[in-house]
Amino acid sequence: MGVSQATIRKWASRGKITRYGSTQRAEYDLDELYALADATTGRGQRSTGP
C-alpha cells in the first residue's frame, strides 16, 4: 500500500481507521486501509494481484 506498519498503527490510534482483533493481534479493514492510503499517497490504485 505504500505505507509502513507504524503508519497504520498511528492511523488507528488517531481514529482514522478502525482496529479490530484482540490486544495482542491487530486486524484492520482492507477497504478502509486502501481508501486512506490512496487519499494520503495520491496513488488512487490498488494492486489486486495477478
PDB file of N, CA and C in Angstrom:
ATOM      1  N   MET A   1       0.809  -1.203   0.000  1.00  0.00           N
ATOM      2  CA  MET A   1       0.000   0.000   0.000  1.00  0.00           C
ATOM      3  C   MET A   1       0.848   1.261   0.000  1.00  0.00           C
ATOM      4  N   GLY A   2       2.112   1.107   0.220  1.00  0.00           N
ATOM      5  CA  GLY A   2       2.977   2.274   0.181  1.00  0.00           C
ATOM      6  C   GLY A   2       3.129   2.994   1.511  1.00  0.00           C
ATOM      7  N   VAL A   3       2.649   2.407   2.591  1.00  0.00           N
ATOM      8  CA  VAL A   3       2.826   2.994   3.916  1.00  0.00           C
ATOM      9  C   VAL A   3       3.376   1.925   4.863  1.00  0.00           C
ATOM     10  N   SER A   4       4.047   2.378   5.911  1.00  0.00           N
ATOM     11  CA  SER A   4       4.651   1.433   6.846  1.00  0.00           C
ATOM     12  C   SER A   4       3.627   0.914   7.852  1.00  0.00           C
ATOM     13  N   GLN A   5       4.006  -0.162   8.541  1.00  0.00           N
ATOM     14  CA  GLN A   5       3.161  -0.702   9.605  1.00  0.00           C
ATOM     15  C   GLN A   5       2.980   0.336  10.714  1.00  0.00           C
ATOM     16  N   ALA A   6       4.027   1.099  10.983  1.00  0.00           N
ATOM     17  CA  ALA A   6       3.944   2.136  12.014  1.00  0.00           C
ATOM     18  C   ALA A   6       2.891   3.183  11.643  1.00  0.00           C
ATOM     19  N   THR A   7       2.803   3.515  10.364  1.00  0.00           N
ATOM     20  CA  THR A   7       1.799   4.480   9.905  1.00  0.00           C
ATOM     21  C   THR A   7       0.400   3.937  10.128  1.00  0.00           C
ATOM     22  N   ILE A   8       0.200   2.673   9.832  1.00  0.00           N
ATOM     23  CA  ILE A   8      -1.116   2.058  10.039  1.00  0.00           C
ATOM     24  C   ILE A   8      -1.490   2.087  11.514  1.00  0.00           C
ATOM     25  N   ARG A   9      -0.523   1.794  12.382  1.00  0.00           N
ATOM     26  CA  ARG A   9      -0.788   1.865  13.829  1.00  0.00           C
ATOM     27  C   ARG A   9      -1.123   3.293  14.257  1.00  0.00           C
ATOM     28  N   LYS A  10      -0.441   4.280  13.701  1.00  0.00           N
ATOM     29  CA  LYS A  10      -0.728   5.684  14.019  1.00  0.00           C
ATOM     30  C   LYS A  10      -2.139   6.061  13.574  1.00  0.00           C
ATOM     31  N   TRP A  11      -2.504   5.642  12.367  1.00  0.00           N
ATOM     32  CA  TRP A  11      -3.856   5.941  11.876  1.00  0.00           C
ATOM     33  C   TRP A  11      -4.908   5.374  12.816  1.00  0.00           C
ATOM     34  N   ALA A  12      -4.681   4.148  13.295  1.00  0.00           N
ATOM     35  CA  ALA A  12      -5.635   3.512  14.209  1.00  0.00           C
ATOM     36  C   ALA A  12      -5.692   4.267  15.533  1.00  0.00           C
ATOM     37  N   SER A  13      -4.548   4.664  16.063  1.00  0.00           N
ATOM     38  CA  SER A  13      -4.541   5.369  17.354  1.00  0.00           C
ATOM     39  C   SER A  13      -5.170   6.749  17.239  1.00  0.00           C
ATOM     40  N   ARG A  14      -5.128   7.335  16.061  1.00  0.00           N
ATOM     41  CA  ARG A  14      -5.735   8.658  15.825  1.00  0.00           C
ATOM     42  C   ARG A  14      -7.194   8.575  15.404  1.00  0.00           C
ATOM     43  N   GLY A  15      -7.701   7.346  15.259  1.00  0.00           N
ATOM     44  CA  GLY A  15      -9.099   7.166  14.906  1.00  0.00           C
ATOM     45  C   GLY A  15      -9.413   7.291  13.428  1.00  0.00           C
ATOM     46  N   LYS A  16      -8.397   7.290  12.582  1.00  0.00           N
ATOM     47  CA  LYS A  16      -8.626   7.399  11.136  1.00  0.00           C
ATOM     48  C   LYS A  16      -9.110   6.091  10.535  1.00  0.00           C
ATOM     49  N   ILE A  17      -8.739   4.966  11.158  1.00  0.00           N
ATOM     50  CA  ILE A  17      -9.210   3.653  10.752  1.00  0.00           C
ATOM     51  C   ILE A  17      -9.612   2.882  12.004  1.00  0.00           C
ATOM     52  N   THR A  18     -10.405   1.849  11.809  1.00  0.00           N
ATOM     53  CA  THR A  18     -10.889   1.046  12.927  1.00  0.00           C
ATOM     54  C   THR A  18      -9.974  -0.148  13.147  1.00  0.00           C
ATOM     55  N   ARG A  19      -9.608  -0.374  14.401  1.00  0.00           N
ATOM     56  CA  ARG A  19      -8.779  -1.527  14.759  1.00  0.00           C
ATOM     57  C   ARG A  19      -9.685  -2.605  15.324  1.00  0.00           C
ATOM     58  N   TYR A  20      -9.534  -3.804  14.793  1.00  0.00           N
ATOM     59  CA  TYR A  20     -10.288  -4.958  15.266  1.00  0.00           C
ATOM     60  C   TYR A  20      -9.303  -5.952  15.860  1.00  0.00           C
ATOM     61  N   GLY A  21      -9.786  -7.021  16.449  1.00  0.00           N
ATOM     62  CA  GLY A  21      -8.932  -8.069  16.969  1.00  0.00           C
ATOM     63  C   GLY A  21      -8.711  -7.939  18.462  1.00  0.00           C
ATOM     64  N   SER A  22      -7.792  -8.747  18.973  1.00  0.00           N
ATOM     65  CA  SER A  22      -7.507  -8.762  20.403  1.00  0.00           C
ATOM     66  C   SER A  22      -6.394  -7.770  20.725  1.00  0.00           C
ATOM     67  N   THR A  23      -6.038  -7.703  21.995  1.00  0.00           N
ATOM     68  CA  THR A  23      -4.972  -6.795  22.398  1.00  0.00           C
ATOM     69  C   THR A  23      -3.613  -7.227  21.859  1.00  0.00           C
ATOM     70  N   GLN A  24      -3.468  -8.503  21.555  1.00  0.00           N
ATOM     71  CA  GLN A  24      -2.197  -8.999  21.036  1.00  0.00           C
ATOM     72  C   GLN A  24      -2.165  -9.146  19.519  1.00  0.00           C
ATOM     73  N   ARG A  25      -3.301  -9.001  18.876  1.00  0.00           N
ATOM     74  CA  ARG A  25      -3.348  -9.147  17.417  1.00  0.00           C
ATOM     75  C   ARG A  25      -4.254  -8.077  16.818  1.00  0.00           C
ATOM     76  N   ALA A  26      -3.657  -7.178  16.081  1.00  0.00           N
ATOM     77  CA  ALA A  26      -4.420  -6.105  15.440  1.00  0.00           C
ATOM     78  C   ALA A  26      -4.897  -6.562  14.068  1.00  0.00           C
ATOM     79  N   GLU A  27      -6.135  -6.247  13.757  1.00  0.00           N
ATOM     80  CA  GLU A  27      -6.698  -6.523  12.437  1.00  0.00           C
ATOM     81  C   GLU A  27      -7.387  -5.255  11.959  1.00  0.00           C
ATOM     82  N   TYR A  28      -7.324  -5.023  10.650  1.00  0.00           N
ATOM     83  CA  TYR A  28      -7.883  -3.811  10.063  1.00  0.00           C
ATOM     84  C   TYR A  28      -8.707  -4.159   8.834  1.00  0.00           C
ATOM     85  N   ASP A  29      -9.653  -3.317   8.501  1.00  0.00           N
ATOM     86  CA  ASP A  29     -10.484  -3.490   7.315  1.00  0.00           C
ATOM     87  C   ASP A  29      -9.672  -3.030   6.098  1.00  0.00           C
ATOM     88  N   LEU A  30      -9.458  -3.930   5.147  1.00  0.00           N
ATOM     89  CA  LEU A  30      -8.639  -3.599   3.983  1.00  0.00           C
ATOM     90  C   LEU A  30      -9.215  -2.449   3.162  1.00  0.00           C
ATOM     91  N   ASP A  31     -10.528  -2.399   3.017  1.00  0.00           N
ATOM     92  CA  ASP A  31     -11.133  -1.310   2.253  1.00  0.00           C
ATOM     93  C   ASP A  31     -10.844   0.043   2.902  1.00  0.00           C
ATOM     94  N   GLU A  32     -10.911   0.081   4.247  1.00  0.00           N
ATOM     95  CA  GLU A  32     -10.570   1.313   4.975  1.00  0.00           C
ATOM     96  C   GLU A  32      -9.109   1.692   4.747  1.00  0.00           C
ATOM     97  N   LEU A  33      -8.228   0.703   4.831  1.00  0.00           N
ATOM     98  CA  LEU A  33      -6.800   0.963   4.643  1.00  0.00           C
ATOM     99  C   LEU A  33      -6.503   1.459   3.240  1.00  0.00           C
ATOM    100  N   TYR A  34      -7.066   0.799   2.232  1.00  0.00           N
ATOM    101  CA  TYR A  34      -6.823   1.231   0.860  1.00  0.00           C
ATOM    102  C   TYR A  34      -7.349   2.640   0.615  1.00  0.00           C
ATOM    103  N   ALA A  35      -8.530   2.945   1.121  1.00  0.00           N
ATOM    104  CA  ALA A  35      -9.101   4.273   0.921  1.00  0.00           C
ATOM    105  C   ALA A  35      -8.229   5.351   1.555  1.00  0.00           C
ATOM    106  N   LEU A  36      -7.774   5.121   2.772  1.00  0.00           N
ATOM    107  CA  LEU A  36      -6.942   6.108   3.447  1.00  0.00           C
ATOM    108  C   LEU A  36      -5.564   6.204   2.803  1.00  0.00           C
ATOM    109  N   ALA A  37      -4.981   5.080   2.435  1.00  0.00           N
ATOM    110  CA  ALA A  37      -3.676   5.093   1.773  1.00  0.00           C
ATOM    111  C   ALA A  37      -3.754   5.811   0.439  1.00  0.00           C
ATOM    112  N   ASP A  38      -4.819   5.561  -0.325  1.00  0.00           N
ATOM    113  CA  ASP A  38      -4.994   6.237  -1.615  1.00  0.00           C
ATOM    114  C   ASP A  38      -5.127   7.743  -1.417  1.00  0.00           C
ATOM    115  N   ALA A  39      -5.897   8.142  -0.418  1.00  0.00           N
ATOM    116  CA  ALA A  39      -6.094   9.571  -0.152  1.00  0.00           C
ATOM    117  C   ALA A  39      -4.798  10.221   0.331  1.00  0.00           C
ATOM    118  N   THR A  40      -4.022   9.491   1.105  1.00  0.00           N
ATOM    119  CA  THR A  40      -2.791  10.038   1.683  1.00  0.00           C
ATOM    120  C   THR A  40      -1.651  10.078   0.679  1.00  0.00           C
ATOM    121  N   THR A  41      -1.481   9.006  -0.082  1.00  0.00           N
ATOM    122  CA  THR A  41      -0.350   8.919  -1.005  1.00  0.00           C
ATOM    123  C   THR A  41      -0.693   9.444  -2.392  1.00  0.00           C
ATOM    124  N   GLY A  42      -1.987   9.589  -2.698  1.00  0.00           N
ATOM    125  CA  GLY A  42      -2.396  10.074  -4.008  1.00  0.00           C
ATOM    126  C   GLY A  42      -2.256   9.037  -5.097  1.00  0.00           C
ATOM    127  N   ARG A  43      -2.120   7.789  -4.725  1.00  0.00           N
ATOM    128  CA  ARG A  43      -1.921   6.735  -5.728  1.00  0.00           C
ATOM    129  C   ARG A  43      -3.195   6.431  -6.485  1.00  0.00           C
ATOM    130  N   GLY A  44      -4.304   6.344  -5.791  1.00  0.00           N
ATOM    131  CA  GLY A  44      -5.573   6.099  -6.451  1.00  0.00           C
ATOM    132  C   GLY A  44      -5.730   4.731  -7.068  1.00  0.00           C
ATOM    133  N   GLN A  45      -4.773   3.829  -6.825  1.00  0.00           N
ATOM    134  CA  GLN A  45      -4.860   2.491  -7.390  1.00  0.00           C
ATOM    135  C   GLN A  45      -4.570   1.475  -6.307  1.00  0.00           C
ATOM    136  N   ARG A  46      -5.097   0.308  -6.486  1.00  0.00           N
ATOM    137  CA  ARG A  46      -4.789  -0.780  -5.565  1.00  0.00           C
ATOM    138  C   ARG A  46      -4.410  -1.999  -6.372  1.00  0.00           C
ATOM    139  N   SER A  47      -3.431  -2.701  -5.871  1.00  0.00           N
ATOM    140  CA  SER A  47      -2.976  -3.914  -6.525  1.00  0.00           C
ATOM    141  C   SER A  47      -3.903  -5.056  -6.111  1.00  0.00           C
ATOM    142  N   THR A  48      -4.507  -5.717  -7.099  1.00  0.00           N
ATOM    143  CA  THR A  48      -5.440  -6.798  -6.798  1.00  0.00           C
ATOM    144  C   THR A  48      -4.851  -8.162  -7.104  1.00  0.00           C
ATOM    145  N   GLY A  49      -3.579  -8.205  -7.424  1.00  0.00           N
ATOM    146  CA  GLY A  49      -2.942  -9.484  -7.673  1.00  0.00           C
ATOM    147  C   GLY A  49      -2.891  -9.822  -9.150  1.00  0.00           C
ATOM    148  N   PRO A  50      -2.432 -11.034  -9.468  1.00  0.00           N
ATOM    149  CA  PRO A  50      -2.272 -11.442 -10.885  1.00  0.00           C
ATOM    150  C   PRO A  50      -3.559 -11.607 -11.623  1.00  0.00           C
TER     151      PRO A  50
END
